[in-house]
């Protein structure tokens, strides 16, 4: 007996409509009818064109570029659904922006991740569904349930198909010490050894590689990260393990491809053979196509999570 909503309704803002459409295809449902535009002065305008009273509403909206516009769209859509008497409102945020400011790194720093969590809760969301939060502790910033899906198993399937499981000539490499736990879990699933690139970050979006922990000589290396922003760290790590470590080939994968600034050019000019990304963020429309970048769909994972949330059954195995 589903007591919280009569049926599933999926809506989307303007951040990633293609993913929302694919999720609906997996659920065998049509995308909800909502018009999200802007007034002449840039204010967000939301008009929901179908009833949602008593429905279990899921709003698919990544807070990617343009981050602030997409965040406001999400907040206003949540408010609109709540005021239209939706049975439950779940914010499906494939990429949760502002997650990199999750603590005070120095005096007078904001904790933007906590502020955004408060805004989403205050807007009226009952639940948040996201993927690969930059810092797992952000789940605790919310006073509502948060389901943080893992995207690494999608990469595992790809690389097992490419190299097989337990291939001794393959190594997983963490691009920094902070990503070690993620890389270790990934390497265990692939049945390979792991190395770490130790670096010192001088300032935002710039880093200096110091040394490599582990022997990657003659190996095919897979760099695993959660976010590729300007690609400076990723390409620097790839260069280090190729030139300093003597790796044979370098592949890379990351959940969220922000791809801002010079990212595309850096990836094109790097020694990375292929960069795999998930479609939590669409490829930037104002950038030239990069043949090294390929996407894997997350629609089936999100659709299964939505189905289980609606049916009130466990989704814990989707976290593995």
C-alpha atoms as a PDB file:
ATOM      1  CA  UNK A   1       0.000   0.000   0.000  1.00  0.00           C
ATOM      2  CA  UNK A   2       1.572   3.283  -1.155  1.00  0.00           C
ATOM      3  CA  UNK A   3       0.246   5.915   1.227  1.00  0.00           C
ATOM      4  CA  UNK A   4       2.376   8.937   0.359  1.00  0.00           C
ATOM      5  CA  UNK A   5       1.449   9.466  -3.311  1.00  0.00           C
ATOM      6  CA  UNK A   6      -0.917   8.081  -5.941  1.00  0.00           C
ATOM      7  CA  UNK A   7       1.673   7.813  -8.721  1.00  0.00           C
ATOM      8  CA  UNK A   8       5.120   8.904  -9.860  1.00  0.00           C
ATOM      9  CA  UNK A   9       5.500  12.239 -11.620  1.00  0.00           C
ATOM     10  CA  UNK A  10       8.917  13.284 -12.956  1.00  0.00           C
ATOM     11  CA  UNK A  11       9.665  16.922 -13.796  1.00  0.00           C
ATOM     12  CA  UNK A  12      12.826  18.693 -14.886  1.00  0.00           C
ATOM     13  CA  UNK A  13      14.350  22.143 -15.045  1.00  0.00           C
ATOM     14  CA  UNK A  14      16.746  23.331 -17.749  1.00  0.00           C
ATOM     15  CA  UNK A  15      19.999  21.867 -16.409  1.00  0.00           C
ATOM     16  CA  UNK A  16      19.804  18.334 -17.822  1.00  0.00           C
ATOM     17  CA  UNK A  17      16.504  17.627 -19.633  1.00  0.00           C
ATOM     18  CA  UNK A  18      18.046  14.794 -21.693  1.00  0.00           C
ATOM     19  CA  UNK A  19      18.798  12.780 -18.548  1.00  0.00           C
ATOM     20  CA  UNK A  20      15.278  13.408 -17.230  1.00  0.00           C
ATOM     21  CA  UNK A  21      13.810  12.152 -20.512  1.00  0.00           C
ATOM     22  CA  UNK A  22      15.956   9.014 -20.335  1.00  0.00           C
ATOM     23  CA  UNK A  23      14.906   8.382 -16.728  1.00  0.00           C
ATOM     24  CA  UNK A  24      11.259   8.642 -17.787  1.00  0.00           C
ATOM     25  CA  UNK A  25      11.908   6.176 -20.625  1.00  0.00           C
ATOM     26  CA  UNK A  26      13.325   3.707 -18.105  1.00  0.00           C
ATOM     27  CA  UNK A  27      10.221   4.217 -15.935  1.00  0.00           C
ATOM     28  CA  UNK A  28       7.890   3.938 -18.968  1.00  0.00           C
ATOM     29  CA  UNK A  29       6.407   7.331 -18.142  1.00  0.00           C
ATOM     30  CA  UNK A  30       6.172  10.691 -19.854  1.00  0.00           C
ATOM     31  CA  UNK A  31       8.002  13.705 -18.487  1.00  0.00           C
ATOM     32  CA  UNK A  32       5.806  16.053 -16.473  1.00  0.00           C
ATOM     33  CA  UNK A  33       4.592  19.218 -18.179  1.00  0.00           C
ATOM     34  CA  UNK A  34       6.288  22.233 -16.607  1.00  0.00           C
ATOM     35  CA  UNK A  35       7.515  25.419 -18.259  1.00  0.00           C
ATOM     36  CA  UNK A  36      10.675  26.831 -16.668  1.00  0.00           C
ATOM     37  CA  UNK A  37      11.731  30.147 -18.190  1.00  0.00           C
ATOM     38  CA  UNK A  38      13.014  33.561 -17.127  1.00  0.00           C
ATOM     39  CA  UNK A  39      11.420  36.966 -16.827  1.00  0.00           C
ATOM     40  CA  UNK A  40      13.027  39.833 -18.723  1.00  0.00           C
ATOM     41  CA  UNK A  41      15.158  40.762 -15.710  1.00  0.00           C
ATOM     42  CA  UNK A  42      16.477  37.213 -15.313  1.00  0.00           C
ATOM     43  CA  UNK A  43      14.169  36.024 -12.542  1.00  0.00           C
ATOM     44  CA  UNK A  44      13.163  32.377 -12.755  1.00  0.00           C
ATOM     45  CA  UNK A  45       9.574  31.692 -13.826  1.00  0.00           C
ATOM     46  CA  UNK A  46       7.994  28.257 -13.205  1.00  0.00           C
ATOM     47  CA  UNK A  47       4.600  27.154 -14.460  1.00  0.00           C
ATOM     48  CA  UNK A  48       3.395  23.591 -13.746  1.00  0.00           C
ATOM     49  CA  UNK A  49       0.777  22.661 -16.358  1.00  0.00           C
ATOM     50  CA  UNK A  50      -0.651  19.468 -14.851  1.00  0.00           C
ATOM     51  CA  UNK A  51      -2.064  18.495 -11.445  1.00  0.00           C
ATOM     52  CA  UNK A  52       0.317  17.008  -8.872  1.00  0.00           C
ATOM     53  CA  UNK A  53      -2.034  16.820  -5.889  1.00  0.00           C
ATOM     54  CA  UNK A  54      -1.211  13.703  -3.891  1.00  0.00           C
ATOM     55  CA  UNK A  55       1.435  12.602  -6.408  1.00  0.00           C
ATOM     56  CA  UNK A  56       4.949  11.364  -5.621  1.00  0.00           C
ATOM     57  CA  UNK A  57       6.924  14.096  -7.422  1.00  0.00           C
ATOM     58  CA  UNK A  58      10.572  13.776  -8.490  1.00  0.00           C
ATOM     59  CA  UNK A  59      12.346  16.897  -9.796  1.00  0.00           C
ATOM     60  CA  UNK A  60      15.477  16.117 -11.839  1.00  0.00           C
ATOM     61  CA  UNK A  61      17.860  19.078 -11.721  1.00  0.00           C
ATOM     62  CA  UNK A  62      21.661  19.155 -11.550  1.00  0.00           C
ATOM     63  CA  UNK A  63      23.105  22.305 -10.039  1.00  0.00           C
ATOM     64  CA  UNK A  64      25.701  22.657 -12.785  1.00  0.00           C
ATOM     65  CA  UNK A  65      26.537  25.577 -15.085  1.00  0.00           C
ATOM     66  CA  UNK A  66      24.900  28.051 -14.746  1.00  0.00           C
ATOM     67  CA  UNK A  67      24.941  26.945 -11.124  1.00  0.00           C
ATOM     68  CA  UNK A  68      22.974  29.727  -9.471  1.00  0.00           C
ATOM     69  CA  UNK A  69      20.239  29.794 -12.137  1.00  0.00           C
ATOM     70  CA  UNK A  70      19.785  26.024 -11.930  1.00  0.00           C
ATOM     71  CA  UNK A  71      19.750  26.089  -8.133  1.00  0.00           C
ATOM     72  CA  UNK A  72      17.025  28.747  -8.129  1.00  0.00           C
ATOM     73  CA  UNK A  73      15.013  26.730 -10.682  1.00  0.00           C
ATOM     74  CA  UNK A  74      15.202  23.719  -8.356  1.00  0.00           C
ATOM     75  CA  UNK A  75      14.152  25.698  -5.281  1.00  0.00           C
ATOM     76  CA  UNK A  76      11.223  27.386  -7.044  1.00  0.00           C
ATOM     77  CA  UNK A  77      10.049  24.097  -8.591  1.00  0.00           C
ATOM     78  CA  UNK A  78      10.091  22.456  -5.148  1.00  0.00           C
ATOM     79  CA  UNK A  79       8.067  25.348  -3.760  1.00  0.00           C
ATOM     80  CA  UNK A  80       5.589  25.142  -6.650  1.00  0.00           C
ATOM     81  CA  UNK A  81       5.041  21.408  -6.107  1.00  0.00           C
ATOM     82  CA  UNK A  82       4.643  21.828  -2.362  1.00  0.00           C
ATOM     83  CA  UNK A  83       2.067  24.621  -2.817  1.00  0.00           C
ATOM     84  CA  UNK A  84       0.238  22.437  -5.359  1.00  0.00           C
ATOM     85  CA  UNK A  85      -0.245  19.788  -2.621  1.00  0.00           C
ATOM     86  CA  UNK A  86       2.140  17.156  -3.969  1.00  0.00           C
ATOM     87  CA  UNK A  87       2.140  14.049  -1.760  1.00  0.00           C
ATOM     88  CA  UNK A  88       5.945  14.011  -1.530  1.00  0.00           C
ATOM     89  CA  UNK A  89       8.669  15.988  -3.287  1.00  0.00           C
ATOM     90  CA  UNK A  90      12.063  14.404  -3.975  1.00  0.00           C
ATOM     91  CA  UNK A  91      14.875  16.560  -5.348  1.00  0.00           C
ATOM     92  CA  UNK A  92      16.852  14.372  -7.770  1.00  0.00           C
ATOM     93  CA  UNK A  93      20.196  16.187  -7.997  1.00  0.00           C
ATOM     94  CA  UNK A  94      22.571  14.086 -10.143  1.00  0.00           C
ATOM     95  CA  UNK A  95      25.323  16.657  -9.550  1.00  0.00           C
ATOM     96  CA  UNK A  96      25.192  18.565  -6.265  1.00  0.00           C
ATOM     97  CA  UNK A  97      26.946  21.911  -6.757  1.00  0.00           C
ATOM     98  CA  UNK A  98      28.693  23.853  -3.983  1.00  0.00           C
ATOM     99  CA  UNK A  99      29.763  20.503  -2.512  1.00  0.00           C
ATOM    100  CA  UNK A 100      33.439  21.461  -2.620  1.00  0.00           C
ATOM    101  CA  UNK A 101      32.899  24.023   0.142  1.00  0.00           C
ATOM    102  CA  UNK A 102      32.003  21.493   2.830  1.00  0.00           C
ATOM    103  CA  UNK A 103      34.213  22.837   5.647  1.00  0.00           C
ATOM    104  CA  UNK A 104      36.150  25.904   6.766  1.00  0.00           C
ATOM    105  CA  UNK A 105      39.573  25.502   5.191  1.00  0.00           C
ATOM    106  CA  UNK A 106      40.687  28.844   6.634  1.00  0.00           C
ATOM    107  CA  UNK A 107      39.328  31.670   8.748  1.00  0.00           C
ATOM    108  CA  UNK A 108      36.096  33.354   7.611  1.00  0.00           C
ATOM    109  CA  UNK A 109      35.343  30.711   4.959  1.00  0.00           C
ATOM    110  CA  UNK A 110      31.670  29.892   4.300  1.00  0.00           C
ATOM    111  CA  UNK A 111      30.320  26.346   4.386  1.00  0.00           C
ATOM    112  CA  UNK A 112      28.296  26.673   1.214  1.00  0.00           C
ATOM    113  CA  UNK A 113      27.276  23.016   1.069  1.00  0.00           C
ATOM    114  CA  UNK A 114      25.422  23.414   4.373  1.00  0.00           C
ATOM    115  CA  UNK A 115      23.747  26.620   3.194  1.00  0.00           C
ATOM    116  CA  UNK A 116      22.488  24.950  -0.002  1.00  0.00           C
ATOM    117  CA  UNK A 117      21.247  21.974   2.026  1.00  0.00           C
ATOM    118  CA  UNK A 118      19.284  24.373   4.231  1.00  0.00           C
ATOM    119  CA  UNK A 119      17.795  26.111   1.180  1.00  0.00           C
ATOM    120  CA  UNK A 120      16.614  22.835  -0.374  1.00  0.00           C
ATOM    121  CA  UNK A 121      15.055  21.736   2.913  1.00  0.00           C
ATOM    122  CA  UNK A 122      13.423  25.133   3.503  1.00  0.00           C
ATOM    123  CA  UNK A 123      11.968  25.108  -0.020  1.00  0.00           C
ATOM    124  CA  UNK A 124       9.968  22.011   0.944  1.00  0.00           C
ATOM    125  CA  UNK A 125      11.843  18.962  -0.339  1.00  0.00           C
ATOM    126  CA  UNK A 126      11.037  15.753   1.552  1.00  0.00           C
ATOM    127  CA  UNK A 127      14.004  13.787   0.245  1.00  0.00           C
ATOM    128  CA  UNK A 128      17.167  14.186  -1.837  1.00  0.00           C
ATOM    129  CA  UNK A 129      18.512  11.681  -4.358  1.00  0.00           C
ATOM    130  CA  UNK A 130      22.002  12.388  -5.671  1.00  0.00           C
ATOM    131  CA  UNK A 131      25.140  10.658  -6.952  1.00  0.00           C
ATOM    132  CA  UNK A 132      28.749  10.678  -5.730  1.00  0.00           C
ATOM    133  CA  UNK A 133      28.734  13.647  -3.388  1.00  0.00           C
ATOM    134  CA  UNK A 134      32.159  15.285  -3.316  1.00  0.00           C
ATOM    135  CA  UNK A 135      32.227  14.705   0.450  1.00  0.00           C
ATOM    136  CA  UNK A 136      30.074  11.971   2.008  1.00  0.00           C
ATOM    137  CA  UNK A 137      29.532  14.001   5.185  1.00  0.00           C
ATOM    138  CA  UNK A 138      27.318  16.420   3.229  1.00  0.00           C
ATOM    139  CA  UNK A 139      24.515  13.899   3.778  1.00  0.00           C
ATOM    140  CA  UNK A 140      24.579  15.030   7.406  1.00  0.00           C
ATOM    141  CA  UNK A 141      24.023  18.655   6.415  1.00  0.00           C
ATOM    142  CA  UNK A 142      20.418  17.823   5.542  1.00  0.00           C
ATOM    143  CA  UNK A 143      17.609  17.281   8.041  1.00  0.00           C
ATOM    144  CA  UNK A 144      15.785  15.117   5.478  1.00  0.00           C
ATOM    145  CA  UNK A 145      16.748  11.687   4.040  1.00  0.00           C
ATOM    146  CA  UNK A 146      19.559  11.729   1.472  1.00  0.00           C
ATOM    147  CA  UNK A 147      20.305   8.822  -0.871  1.00  0.00           C
ATOM    148  CA  UNK A 148      23.827   9.131  -2.298  1.00  0.00           C
ATOM    149  CA  UNK A 149      24.141   6.712  -5.213  1.00  0.00           C
ATOM    150  CA  UNK A 150      27.524   5.428  -6.366  1.00  0.00           C
ATOM    151  CA  UNK A 151      28.447   5.675 -10.043  1.00  0.00           C
ATOM    152  CA  UNK A 152      31.698   3.694  -9.941  1.00  0.00           C
ATOM    153  CA  UNK A 153      30.028   0.356 -10.751  1.00  0.00           C
ATOM    154  CA  UNK A 154      29.180   1.735 -14.206  1.00  0.00           C
ATOM    155  CA  UNK A 155      32.900   2.291 -14.818  1.00  0.00           C
ATOM    156  CA  UNK A 156      33.702  -1.147 -13.392  1.00  0.00           C
ATOM    157  CA  UNK A 157      31.493  -2.808 -16.007  1.00  0.00           C
ATOM    158  CA  UNK A 158      33.172  -0.842 -18.791  1.00  0.00           C
ATOM    159  CA  UNK A 159      36.749  -1.609 -17.757  1.00  0.00           C
ATOM    160  CA  UNK A 160      36.093  -5.276 -16.951  1.00  0.00           C
ATOM    161  CA  UNK A 161      34.703  -5.611 -20.468  1.00  0.00           C
ATOM    162  CA  UNK A 162      37.811  -3.848 -21.817  1.00  0.00           C
ATOM    163  CA  UNK A 163      40.578  -5.437 -19.712  1.00  0.00           C
ATOM    164  CA  UNK A 164      38.959  -8.290 -17.793  1.00  0.00           C
ATOM    165  CA  UNK A 165      38.893  -8.703 -14.017  1.00  0.00           C
ATOM    166  CA  UNK A 166      42.091  -9.221 -12.039  1.00  0.00           C
ATOM    167  CA  UNK A 167      44.377  -8.119 -14.887  1.00  0.00           C
ATOM    168  CA  UNK A 168      47.867  -7.721 -13.399  1.00  0.00           C
ATOM    169  CA  UNK A 169      48.855  -5.246 -16.112  1.00  0.00           C
ATOM    170  CA  UNK A 170      46.162  -2.784 -14.987  1.00  0.00           C
ATOM    171  CA  UNK A 171      46.376  -0.425 -12.014  1.00  0.00           C
ATOM    172  CA  UNK A 172      43.885   2.022 -10.539  1.00  0.00           C
ATOM    173  CA  UNK A 173      45.413   5.376  -9.627  1.00  0.00           C
ATOM    174  CA  UNK A 174      44.001   7.929  -7.216  1.00  0.00           C
ATOM    175  CA  UNK A 175      44.762  11.474  -8.471  1.00  0.00           C
ATOM    176  CA  UNK A 176      45.223  12.704  -4.885  1.00  0.00           C
ATOM    177  CA  UNK A 177      45.341  11.418  -1.321  1.00  0.00           C
ATOM    178  CA  UNK A 178      41.766  12.577  -0.654  1.00  0.00           C
ATOM    179  CA  UNK A 179      40.367  10.177  -3.257  1.00  0.00           C
ATOM    180  CA  UNK A 180      42.202   7.145  -1.881  1.00  0.00           C
ATOM    181  CA  UNK A 181      39.162   5.445  -0.312  1.00  0.00           C
ATOM    182  CA  UNK A 182      37.170   5.789  -3.534  1.00  0.00           C
ATOM    183  CA  UNK A 183      40.062   4.437  -5.626  1.00  0.00           C
ATOM    184  CA  UNK A 184      40.664   1.535  -3.216  1.00  0.00           C
ATOM    185  CA  UNK A 185      37.032   0.391  -3.460  1.00  0.00           C
ATOM    186  CA  UNK A 186      37.197   0.741  -7.241  1.00  0.00           C
ATOM    187  CA  UNK A 187      40.425  -1.289  -7.502  1.00  0.00           C
ATOM    188  CA  UNK A 188      38.940  -4.057  -5.345  1.00  0.00           C
ATOM    189  CA  UNK A 189      36.006  -4.382  -7.726  1.00  0.00           C
ATOM    190  CA  UNK A 190      38.401  -4.581 -10.681  1.00  0.00           C
ATOM    191  CA  UNK A 191      40.714  -6.963  -8.814  1.00  0.00           C
ATOM    192  CA  UNK A 192      43.784  -4.766  -9.418  1.00  0.00           C
ATOM    193  CA  UNK A 193      46.464  -2.993  -7.396  1.00  0.00           C
ATOM    194  CA  UNK A 194      46.360   0.727  -6.638  1.00  0.00           C
ATOM    195  CA  UNK A 195      48.711   3.704  -6.714  1.00  0.00           C
ATOM    196  CA  UNK A 196      48.363   7.284  -5.437  1.00  0.00           C
ATOM    197  CA  UNK A 197      49.533  10.575  -6.919  1.00  0.00           C
ATOM    198  CA  UNK A 198      50.731  12.768  -4.069  1.00  0.00           C
ATOM    199  CA  UNK A 199      50.406  16.457  -4.903  1.00  0.00           C
ATOM    200  CA  UNK A 200      50.472  19.858  -3.283  1.00  0.00           C
ATOM    201  CA  UNK A 201      47.714  22.294  -4.274  1.00  0.00           C
ATOM    202  CA  UNK A 202      49.014  25.863  -4.349  1.00  0.00           C
ATOM    203  CA  UNK A 203      45.630  27.523  -4.973  1.00  0.00           C
ATOM    204  CA  UNK A 204      42.186  26.751  -6.412  1.00  0.00           C
ATOM    205  CA  UNK A 205      42.267  24.898  -9.752  1.00  0.00           C
ATOM    206  CA  UNK A 206      46.082  24.651  -9.692  1.00  0.00           C
ATOM    207  CA  UNK A 207      48.180  21.813  -8.343  1.00  0.00           C
ATOM    208  CA  UNK A 208      51.767  20.619  -8.387  1.00  0.00           C
ATOM    209  CA  UNK A 209      52.481  16.903  -8.559  1.00  0.00           C
ATOM    210  CA  UNK A 210      55.084  15.783  -6.040  1.00  0.00           C
ATOM    211  CA  UNK A 211      55.523  12.005  -6.350  1.00  0.00           C
ATOM    212  CA  UNK A 212      53.789   8.698  -7.047  1.00  0.00           C
ATOM    213  CA  UNK A 213      53.106   6.172  -4.301  1.00  0.00           C
ATOM    214  CA  UNK A 214      53.208   2.761  -5.965  1.00  0.00           C
ATOM    215  CA  UNK A 215      54.925   1.216  -8.986  1.00  0.00           C
ATOM    216  CA  UNK A 216      53.070   1.963 -12.241  1.00  0.00           C
ATOM    217  CA  UNK A 217      55.932   1.244 -14.620  1.00  0.00           C
ATOM    218  CA  UNK A 218      54.737  -0.604 -17.732  1.00  0.00           C
ATOM    219  CA  UNK A 219      51.143  -0.665 -16.451  1.00  0.00           C
ATOM    220  CA  UNK A 220      47.889   0.460 -18.025  1.00  0.00           C
ATOM    221  CA  UNK A 221      46.577   2.950 -15.480  1.00  0.00           C
ATOM    222  CA  UNK A 222      43.009   4.049 -14.760  1.00  0.00           C
ATOM    223  CA  UNK A 223      42.674   7.410 -13.022  1.00  0.00           C
ATOM    224  CA  UNK A 224      39.488   7.670 -10.961  1.00  0.00           C
ATOM    225  CA  UNK A 225      38.067  10.991  -9.742  1.00  0.00           C
ATOM    226  CA  UNK A 226      34.642  12.337  -8.786  1.00  0.00           C
ATOM    227  CA  UNK A 227      34.774  15.737 -10.525  1.00  0.00           C
ATOM    228  CA  UNK A 228      36.631  17.033 -13.572  1.00  0.00           C
ATOM    229  CA  UNK A 229      36.416  20.828 -13.479  1.00  0.00           C
ATOM    230  CA  UNK A 230      39.281  22.567 -15.302  1.00  0.00           C
ATOM    231  CA  UNK A 231      41.032  19.157 -15.737  1.00  0.00           C
ATOM    232  CA  UNK A 232      44.326  20.558 -14.449  1.00  0.00           C
ATOM    233  CA  UNK A 233      44.683  18.004 -11.646  1.00  0.00           C
ATOM    234  CA  UNK A 234      43.593  15.075 -13.815  1.00  0.00           C
ATOM    235  CA  UNK A 235      45.877  15.901 -16.742  1.00  0.00           C
ATOM    236  CA  UNK A 236      48.761  16.695 -14.371  1.00  0.00           C
ATOM    237  CA  UNK A 237      48.337  13.320 -12.663  1.00  0.00           C
ATOM    238  CA  UNK A 238      48.179  11.561 -16.042  1.00  0.00           C
ATOM    239  CA  UNK A 239      51.392  13.282 -17.161  1.00  0.00           C
ATOM    240  CA  UNK A 240      53.145  12.327 -13.918  1.00  0.00           C
ATOM    241  CA  UNK A 241      52.277   8.628 -14.027  1.00  0.00           C
ATOM    242  CA  UNK A 242      53.253   8.477 -17.707  1.00  0.00           C
ATOM    243  CA  UNK A 243      56.495  10.484 -17.600  1.00  0.00           C
ATOM    244  CA  UNK A 244      57.676   9.979 -14.018  1.00  0.00           C
ATOM    245  CA  UNK A 245      56.119   6.598 -13.298  1.00  0.00           C
ATOM    246  CA  UNK A 246      56.657   5.043 -16.727  1.00  0.00           C
ATOM    247  CA  UNK A 247      53.062   3.882 -17.243  1.00  0.00           C
ATOM    248  CA  UNK A 248      52.241   2.363 -20.630  1.00  0.00           C
ATOM    249  CA  UNK A 249      48.782   3.928 -21.132  1.00  0.00           C
ATOM    250  CA  UNK A 250      46.512   6.164 -19.082  1.00  0.00           C
ATOM    251  CA  UNK A 251      42.718   6.062 -19.037  1.00  0.00           C
ATOM    252  CA  UNK A 252      40.561   8.241 -16.820  1.00  0.00           C
ATOM    253  CA  UNK A 253      37.017   8.245 -15.475  1.00  0.00           C
ATOM    254  CA  UNK A 254      35.004  10.634 -13.328  1.00  0.00           C
ATOM    255  CA  UNK A 255      31.384  10.901 -12.271  1.00  0.00           C
ATOM    256  CA  UNK A 256      30.844  14.600 -12.920  1.00  0.00           C
ATOM    257  CA  UNK A 257      32.287  16.389 -15.955  1.00  0.00           C
ATOM    258  CA  UNK A 258      32.044  20.100 -15.166  1.00  0.00           C
ATOM    259  CA  UNK A 259      34.568  20.822 -17.957  1.00  0.00           C
ATOM    260  CA  UNK A 260      34.958  24.533 -17.319  1.00  0.00           C
ATOM    261  CA  UNK A 261      37.606  26.930 -18.619  1.00  0.00           C
ATOM    262  CA  UNK A 262      40.442  25.231 -20.530  1.00  0.00           C
ATOM    263  CA  UNK A 263      39.344  21.680 -19.612  1.00  0.00           C
ATOM    264  CA  UNK A 264      38.569  20.475 -23.145  1.00  0.00           C
ATOM    265  CA  UNK A 265      41.853  21.742 -24.574  1.00  0.00           C
ATOM    266  CA  UNK A 266      43.822  20.236 -21.713  1.00  0.00           C
ATOM    267  CA  UNK A 267      42.191  16.833 -22.182  1.00  0.00           C
ATOM    268  CA  UNK A 268      42.801  16.941 -25.946  1.00  0.00           C
ATOM    269  CA  UNK A 269      46.479  17.730 -25.444  1.00  0.00           C
ATOM    270  CA  UNK A 270      46.987  15.270 -22.569  1.00  0.00           C
ATOM    271  CA  UNK A 271      48.319  11.722 -22.671  1.00  0.00           C
ATOM    272  CA  UNK A 272      44.911  10.376 -21.572  1.00  0.00           C
ATOM    273  CA  UNK A 273      43.661   7.799 -24.057  1.00  0.00           C
ATOM    274  CA  UNK A 274      39.997   8.079 -23.050  1.00  0.00           C
ATOM    275  CA  UNK A 275      38.026   9.999 -20.426  1.00  0.00           C
ATOM    276  CA  UNK A 276      34.788   8.362 -19.308  1.00  0.00           C
ATOM    277  CA  UNK A 277      32.148  10.556 -17.682  1.00  0.00           C
ATOM    278  CA  UNK A 278      28.637   9.945 -16.423  1.00  0.00           C
ATOM    279  CA  UNK A 279      25.800  12.061 -17.821  1.00  0.00           C
ATOM    280  CA  UNK A 280      25.015  13.784 -14.503  1.00  0.00           C
ATOM    281  CA  UNK A 281      26.150  16.977 -16.271  1.00  0.00           C
ATOM    282  CA  UNK A 282      25.566  17.444 -20.012  1.00  0.00           C
ATOM    283  CA  UNK A 283      28.489  18.211 -22.327  1.00  0.00           C
ATOM    284  CA  UNK A 284      28.903  22.021 -22.492  1.00  0.00           C
ATOM    285  CA  UNK A 285      27.196  23.346 -25.614  1.00  0.00           C
ATOM    286  CA  UNK A 286      29.693  26.188 -26.026  1.00  0.00           C
ATOM    287  CA  UNK A 287      32.720  23.856 -26.220  1.00  0.00           C
ATOM    288  CA  UNK A 288      34.145  22.018 -29.255  1.00  0.00           C
ATOM    289  CA  UNK A 289      33.659  18.255 -29.396  1.00  0.00           C
ATOM    290  CA  UNK A 290      36.437  16.197 -27.820  1.00  0.00           C
ATOM    291  CA  UNK A 291      36.900  12.701 -29.269  1.00  0.00           C
ATOM    292  CA  UNK A 292      38.582  11.481 -26.078  1.00  0.00           C
ATOM    293  CA  UNK A 293      35.486  12.110 -23.932  1.00  0.00           C
ATOM    294  CA  UNK A 294      32.722   9.497 -23.789  1.00  0.00           C
ATOM    295  CA  UNK A 295      29.616   9.306 -21.615  1.00  0.00           C
ATOM    296  CA  UNK A 296      27.859   6.473 -19.779  1.00  0.00           C
ATOM    297  CA  UNK A 297      24.168   6.882 -18.965  1.00  0.00           C
ATOM    298  CA  UNK A 298      22.985   6.963 -15.355  1.00  0.00           C
ATOM    299  CA  UNK A 299      19.287   6.901 -16.315  1.00  0.00           C
ATOM    300  CA  UNK A 300      18.733   3.243 -15.403  1.00  0.00           C
ATOM    301  CA  UNK A 301      20.330   3.715 -11.953  1.00  0.00           C
ATOM    302  CA  UNK A 302      18.262   6.791 -11.132  1.00  0.00           C
ATOM    303  CA  UNK A 303      15.089   5.187 -12.498  1.00  0.00           C
ATOM    304  CA  UNK A 304      15.592   2.117 -10.311  1.00  0.00           C
ATOM    305  CA  UNK A 305      16.216   4.326  -7.264  1.00  0.00           C
ATOM    306  CA  UNK A 306      13.067   6.348  -7.991  1.00  0.00           C
ATOM    307  CA  UNK A 307      11.040   3.159  -8.394  1.00  0.00           C
ATOM    308  CA  UNK A 308      12.286   1.784  -5.070  1.00  0.00           C
ATOM    309  CA  UNK A 309      11.737   5.064  -3.223  1.00  0.00           C
ATOM    310  CA  UNK A 310       8.153   5.142  -4.495  1.00  0.00           C
ATOM    311  CA  UNK A 311       7.543   1.519  -3.505  1.00  0.00           C
ATOM    312  CA  UNK A 312       9.211   2.061  -0.100  1.00  0.00           C
ATOM    313  CA  UNK A 313      11.728  -0.746  -0.548  1.00  0.00           C
ATOM    314  CA  UNK A 314      15.440  -0.742   0.203  1.00  0.00           C
ATOM    315  CA  UNK A 315      17.857   0.851  -2.251  1.00  0.00           C
ATOM    316  CA  UNK A 316      20.965   0.000  -0.241  1.00  0.00           C
ATOM    317  CA  UNK A 317      22.397  -2.316  -2.911  1.00  0.00           C
ATOM    318  CA  UNK A 318      22.479   0.657  -5.307  1.00  0.00           C
ATOM    319  CA  UNK A 319      25.090   2.245  -3.040  1.00  0.00           C
ATOM    320  CA  UNK A 320      27.595  -0.568  -3.651  1.00  0.00           C
END
